[in-house]
Amino acid sequence: MSTEFKRHYGLLILACALLIPLDQWTKYLVLEHMHLHQSRTLIEHYLNLVYVQNTGAAFGIFADSAMRVPFLSGIAVLAVGVILWIMPRLGREQRWQKLGLMLVVPGAIGNLIDRVRFGYVIDFIDVHWYQYHWPAFNVADSAITVGVVFMLVDILRSPRTR
């Protein structure tokens, strides 16, 4: 592996090697040990495990579309391709943006695997405050969310000349 390749993609490969198997393993555990829509309390009034099948995108967007699987799979592949193209073009000072992209890629791939295998994404983390629930999510969604937060931090911290 060339030094240039390692410099641009080494940490991305490591993030993928850690996060994609973790995402798929946790989803496997849910499939093996829970029934659809089953819920288990972890921290009363705050955190449950729940098995749901998200046929759409974030928060169930496109859930009823006949073209959802090819469309959402295509978006994921396109996003990963664009990120791979962008990464070597980012400067050293944009480390938060690079770190964010390194989390978005394995998240997108983890959910893409589900979408191709099952036609839906397995979600199982239910964060709530008493009866007010956030939509269920998974490890891949968490990686994407943290990655986007890192990119926003970079954008907000960096003075840009226009």
C-alpha atoms as a PDB file:
ATOM      1  CA  MET A   1       0.000   0.000   0.000  1.00  0.00           C
ATOM      2  CA  SER A   2       1.517   3.326  -1.042  1.00  0.00           C
ATOM      3  CA  THR A   3       2.231   6.058   1.502  1.00  0.00           C
ATOM      4  CA  GLU A   4      -0.081   8.423  -0.371  1.00  0.00           C
ATOM      5  CA  PHE A   5      -2.928   5.894  -0.293  1.00  0.00           C
ATOM      6  CA  LYS A   6      -2.397   5.219   3.429  1.00  0.00           C
ATOM      7  CA  ARG A   7      -2.323   8.939   4.173  1.00  0.00           C
ATOM      8  CA  HIS A   8      -5.686   9.507   2.529  1.00  0.00           C
ATOM      9  CA  TYR A   9      -7.518   6.252   3.186  1.00  0.00           C
ATOM     10  CA  GLY A  10      -5.733   4.365   6.007  1.00  0.00           C
ATOM     11  CA  LEU A  11      -7.974   5.588   8.826  1.00  0.00           C
ATOM     12  CA  LEU A  12     -11.046   5.204   6.625  1.00  0.00           C
ATOM     13  CA  ILE A  13     -10.183   1.538   6.070  1.00  0.00           C
ATOM     14  CA  LEU A  14      -9.693   1.098   9.818  1.00  0.00           C
ATOM     15  CA  ALA A  15     -13.050   2.779  10.557  1.00  0.00           C
ATOM     16  CA  CYS A  16     -14.750   0.488   8.034  1.00  0.00           C
ATOM     17  CA  ALA A  17     -12.986  -2.586   9.427  1.00  0.00           C
ATOM     18  CA  LEU A  18     -14.275  -1.770  12.921  1.00  0.00           C
ATOM     19  CA  LEU A  19     -17.695  -0.202  12.374  1.00  0.00           C
ATOM     20  CA  ILE A  20     -19.173  -2.326   9.586  1.00  0.00           C
ATOM     21  CA  PRO A  21     -18.655  -5.636  11.457  1.00  0.00           C
ATOM     22  CA  LEU A  22     -19.891  -4.045  14.712  1.00  0.00           C
ATOM     23  CA  ASP A  23     -23.009  -2.775  12.929  1.00  0.00           C
ATOM     24  CA  GLN A  24     -23.711  -6.108  11.257  1.00  0.00           C
ATOM     25  CA  TRP A  25     -23.000  -8.103  14.435  1.00  0.00           C
ATOM     26  CA  THR A  26     -25.417  -6.026  16.526  1.00  0.00           C
ATOM     27  CA  LYS A  27     -28.098  -6.405  13.855  1.00  0.00           C
ATOM     28  CA  TYR A  28     -27.449 -10.154  13.748  1.00  0.00           C
ATOM     29  CA  LEU A  29     -27.946 -10.330  17.516  1.00  0.00           C
ATOM     30  CA  VAL A  30     -31.255  -8.505  17.195  1.00  0.00           C
ATOM     31  CA  LEU A  31     -32.401 -10.877  14.434  1.00  0.00           C
ATOM     32  CA  GLU A  32     -31.385 -13.935  16.456  1.00  0.00           C
ATOM     33  CA  HIS A  33     -32.763 -12.909  19.850  1.00  0.00           C
ATOM     34  CA  MET A  34     -35.770 -10.678  19.214  1.00  0.00           C
ATOM     35  CA  HIS A  35     -39.058 -10.822  17.358  1.00  0.00           C
ATOM     36  CA  LEU A  36     -40.230  -8.006  15.106  1.00  0.00           C
ATOM     37  CA  HIS A  37     -41.534  -5.096  17.236  1.00  0.00           C
ATOM     38  CA  GLN A  38     -40.375  -6.742  20.451  1.00  0.00           C
ATOM     39  CA  SER A  39     -39.009  -4.293  23.019  1.00  0.00           C
ATOM     40  CA  ARG A  40     -36.690  -4.806  25.987  1.00  0.00           C
ATOM     41  CA  THR A  41     -36.109  -2.121  28.583  1.00  0.00           C
ATOM     42  CA  LEU A  42     -32.464  -1.313  29.276  1.00  0.00           C
ATOM     43  CA  ILE A  43     -32.853   1.912  31.257  1.00  0.00           C
ATOM     44  CA  GLU A  44     -36.431   2.548  32.305  1.00  0.00           C
ATOM     45  CA  HIS A  45     -37.913   5.759  30.831  1.00  0.00           C
ATOM     46  CA  TYR A  46     -34.766   6.347  28.689  1.00  0.00           C
ATOM     47  CA  LEU A  47     -33.449   3.414  26.644  1.00  0.00           C
ATOM     48  CA  ASN A  48     -34.918   0.269  25.083  1.00  0.00           C
ATOM     49  CA  LEU A  49     -33.837  -2.350  22.609  1.00  0.00           C
ATOM     50  CA  VAL A  50     -36.541  -2.728  19.991  1.00  0.00           C
ATOM     51  CA  TYR A  51     -36.557  -4.635  16.719  1.00  0.00           C
ATOM     52  CA  VAL A  52     -37.987  -2.610  13.855  1.00  0.00           C
ATOM     53  CA  GLN A  53     -37.561  -2.800  10.105  1.00  0.00           C
ATOM     54  CA  ASN A  54     -37.035   0.606   8.513  1.00  0.00           C
ATOM     55  CA  THR A  55     -38.123   0.305   4.891  1.00  0.00           C
ATOM     56  CA  GLY A  56     -37.372   3.962   4.209  1.00  0.00           C
ATOM     57  CA  ALA A  57     -34.499   6.334   4.776  1.00  0.00           C
ATOM     58  CA  ALA A  58     -33.924   8.435   7.885  1.00  0.00           C
ATOM     59  CA  PHE A  59     -37.099   8.602   9.975  1.00  0.00           C
ATOM     60  CA  GLY A  60     -38.936   6.392   7.461  1.00  0.00           C
ATOM     61  CA  ILE A  61     -38.746   8.779   4.491  1.00  0.00           C
ATOM     62  CA  PHE A  62     -39.600   6.932   1.210  1.00  0.00           C
ATOM     63  CA  ALA A  63     -40.920   3.947   3.205  1.00  0.00           C
ATOM     64  CA  ASP A  64     -43.853   3.346   0.849  1.00  0.00           C
ATOM     65  CA  SER A  65     -42.092   3.937  -2.476  1.00  0.00           C
ATOM     66  CA  ALA A  66     -41.806   0.960  -4.843  1.00  0.00           C
ATOM     67  CA  MET A  67     -38.373   2.202  -5.949  1.00  0.00           C
ATOM     68  CA  ARG A  68     -37.051   2.743  -2.426  1.00  0.00           C
ATOM     69  CA  VAL A  69     -34.435  -0.049  -2.379  1.00  0.00           C
ATOM     70  CA  PRO A  70     -32.736   0.817  -5.706  1.00  0.00           C
ATOM     71  CA  PHE A  71     -33.085   4.558  -5.086  1.00  0.00           C
ATOM     72  CA  LEU A  72     -31.733   4.527  -1.522  1.00  0.00           C
ATOM     73  CA  SER A  73     -29.026   1.996  -2.423  1.00  0.00           C
ATOM     74  CA  GLY A  74     -27.970   4.199  -5.327  1.00  0.00           C
ATOM     75  CA  ILE A  75     -27.823   7.246  -3.056  1.00  0.00           C
ATOM     76  CA  ALA A  76     -25.584   5.325  -0.607  1.00  0.00           C
ATOM     77  CA  VAL A  77     -23.227   4.158  -3.374  1.00  0.00           C
ATOM     78  CA  LEU A  78     -23.098   7.676  -4.844  1.00  0.00           C
ATOM     79  CA  ALA A  79     -22.396   9.206  -1.408  1.00  0.00           C
ATOM     80  CA  VAL A  80     -19.539   6.770  -0.729  1.00  0.00           C
ATOM     81  CA  GLY A  81     -18.085   7.465  -4.179  1.00  0.00           C
ATOM     82  CA  VAL A  82     -18.237  11.227  -3.682  1.00  0.00           C
ATOM     83  CA  ILE A  83     -16.641  10.915  -0.235  1.00  0.00           C
ATOM     84  CA  LEU A  84     -13.798   8.769  -1.611  1.00  0.00           C
ATOM     85  CA  TRP A  85     -13.225  11.412  -4.292  1.00  0.00           C
ATOM     86  CA  ILE A  86     -13.358  14.332  -1.801  1.00  0.00           C
ATOM     87  CA  MET A  87     -11.122  12.905   0.940  1.00  0.00           C
ATOM     88  CA  PRO A  88      -7.725  13.339  -0.762  1.00  0.00           C
ATOM     89  CA  ARG A  89      -8.701  16.875  -1.736  1.00  0.00           C
ATOM     90  CA  LEU A  90      -9.235  18.028   1.858  1.00  0.00           C
ATOM     91  CA  GLY A  91      -6.430  19.924   3.518  1.00  0.00           C
ATOM     92  CA  ARG A  92      -4.711  18.956   6.774  1.00  0.00           C
ATOM     93  CA  GLU A  93      -6.591  21.725   8.573  1.00  0.00           C
ATOM     94  CA  GLN A  94      -9.899  20.027   7.725  1.00  0.00           C
ATOM     95  CA  ARG A  95      -9.270  17.088  10.067  1.00  0.00           C
ATOM     96  CA  TRP A  96     -12.760  17.214  11.627  1.00  0.00           C
ATOM     97  CA  GLN A  97     -14.303  17.015   8.182  1.00  0.00           C
ATOM     98  CA  LYS A  98     -12.069  14.059   7.280  1.00  0.00           C
ATOM     99  CA  LEU A  99     -12.926  12.327  10.542  1.00  0.00           C
ATOM    100  CA  GLY A 100     -16.619  12.932   9.897  1.00  0.00           C
ATOM    101  CA  LEU A 101     -16.399  11.465   6.405  1.00  0.00           C
ATOM    102  CA  MET A 102     -14.529   8.466   7.840  1.00  0.00           C
ATOM    103  CA  LEU A 103     -17.590   7.747   9.989  1.00  0.00           C
ATOM    104  CA  VAL A 104     -20.217   8.416   7.319  1.00  0.00           C
ATOM    105  CA  VAL A 105     -18.737   5.851   4.907  1.00  0.00           C
ATOM    106  CA  PRO A 106     -18.983   2.754   7.155  1.00  0.00           C
ATOM    107  CA  GLY A 107     -22.415   3.913   8.319  1.00  0.00           C
ATOM    108  CA  ALA A 108     -23.656   4.194   4.750  1.00  0.00           C
ATOM    109  CA  ILE A 109     -22.150   0.812   3.864  1.00  0.00           C
ATOM    110  CA  GLY A 110     -23.641  -0.865   6.958  1.00  0.00           C
ATOM    111  CA  ASN A 111     -27.145   0.286   6.078  1.00  0.00           C
ATOM    112  CA  LEU A 112     -26.579  -0.483   2.389  1.00  0.00           C
ATOM    113  CA  ILE A 113     -25.780  -4.097   3.294  1.00  0.00           C
ATOM    114  CA  ASP A 114     -29.141  -4.384   5.091  1.00  0.00           C
ATOM    115  CA  ARG A 115     -31.042  -2.727   2.281  1.00  0.00           C
ATOM    116  CA  VAL A 116     -29.553  -5.089  -0.325  1.00  0.00           C
ATOM    117  CA  ARG A 117     -29.944  -8.219   1.861  1.00  0.00           C
ATOM    118  CA  PHE A 118     -33.391  -7.583   3.308  1.00  0.00           C
ATOM    119  CA  GLY A 119     -34.987  -4.644   1.491  1.00  0.00           C
ATOM    120  CA  TYR A 120     -35.018  -2.711   4.780  1.00  0.00           C
ATOM    121  CA  VAL A 121     -32.641  -1.561   7.523  1.00  0.00           C
ATOM    122  CA  ILE A 122     -32.686  -3.179  10.950  1.00  0.00           C
ATOM    123  CA  ASP A 123     -33.041  -0.571  13.708  1.00  0.00           C
ATOM    124  CA  PHE A 124     -32.944  -1.429  17.380  1.00  0.00           C
ATOM    125  CA  ILE A 125     -31.838   1.458  19.612  1.00  0.00           C
ATOM    126  CA  ASP A 126     -34.842   3.241  21.104  1.00  0.00           C
ATOM    127  CA  VAL A 127     -33.905   6.396  22.996  1.00  0.00           C
ATOM    128  CA  HIS A 128     -36.808   8.045  24.738  1.00  0.00           C
ATOM    129  CA  TRP A 129     -37.868  10.225  27.610  1.00  0.00           C
ATOM    130  CA  TYR A 130     -40.862   8.547  29.181  1.00  0.00           C
ATOM    131  CA  GLN A 131     -43.433   8.379  26.344  1.00  0.00           C
ATOM    132  CA  TYR A 132     -41.520  10.667  23.927  1.00  0.00           C
ATOM    133  CA  HIS A 133     -39.489   8.460  21.579  1.00  0.00           C
ATOM    134  CA  TRP A 134     -36.782   9.344  19.080  1.00  0.00           C
ATOM    135  CA  PRO A 135     -37.061   7.163  15.948  1.00  0.00           C
ATOM    136  CA  ALA A 136     -35.214   3.857  16.431  1.00  0.00           C
ATOM    137  CA  PHE A 137     -31.719   3.694  14.970  1.00  0.00           C
ATOM    138  CA  ASN A 138     -28.645   1.443  14.771  1.00  0.00           C
ATOM    139  CA  VAL A 139     -24.837   1.529  14.942  1.00  0.00           C
ATOM    140  CA  ALA A 140     -24.548   2.630  11.294  1.00  0.00           C
ATOM    141  CA  ASP A 141     -26.971   5.508  11.886  1.00  0.00           C
ATOM    142  CA  SER A 142     -24.940   6.506  14.942  1.00  0.00           C
ATOM    143  CA  ALA A 143     -21.720   6.588  12.905  1.00  0.00           C
ATOM    144  CA  ILE A 144     -23.379   8.730  10.229  1.00  0.00           C
ATOM    145  CA  THR A 145     -24.806  11.123  12.829  1.00  0.00           C
ATOM    146  CA  VAL A 146     -21.518  11.534  14.697  1.00  0.00           C
ATOM    147  CA  GLY A 147     -19.739  11.990  11.361  1.00  0.00           C
ATOM    148  CA  VAL A 148     -22.123  14.755  10.314  1.00  0.00           C
ATOM    149  CA  VAL A 149     -21.680  16.461  13.715  1.00  0.00           C
ATOM    150  CA  PHE A 150     -17.889  16.392  13.229  1.00  0.00           C
ATOM    151  CA  MET A 151     -18.286  17.966   9.787  1.00  0.00           C
ATOM    152  CA  LEU A 152     -20.562  20.669  11.202  1.00  0.00           C
ATOM    153  CA  VAL A 153     -17.987  21.379  13.924  1.00  0.00           C
ATOM    154  CA  ASP A 154     -15.372  21.829  11.201  1.00  0.00           C
ATOM    155  CA  ILE A 155     -17.632  24.137   9.214  1.00  0.00           C
ATOM    156  CA  LEU A 156     -18.552  26.235  12.257  1.00  0.00           C
ATOM    157  CA  ARG A 157     -14.976  26.475  13.579  1.00  0.00           C
ATOM    158  CA  SER A 158     -13.292  27.314  10.289  1.00  0.00           C
ATOM    159  CA  PRO A 159     -13.246  30.901   9.090  1.00  0.00           C
ATOM    160  CA  ARG A 160     -13.952  30.812   5.368  1.00  0.00           C
ATOM    161  CA  THR A 161     -13.098  33.489   2.884  1.00  0.00           C
ATOM    162  CA  ARG A 162     -15.696  33.992   0.209  1.00  0.00           C
END
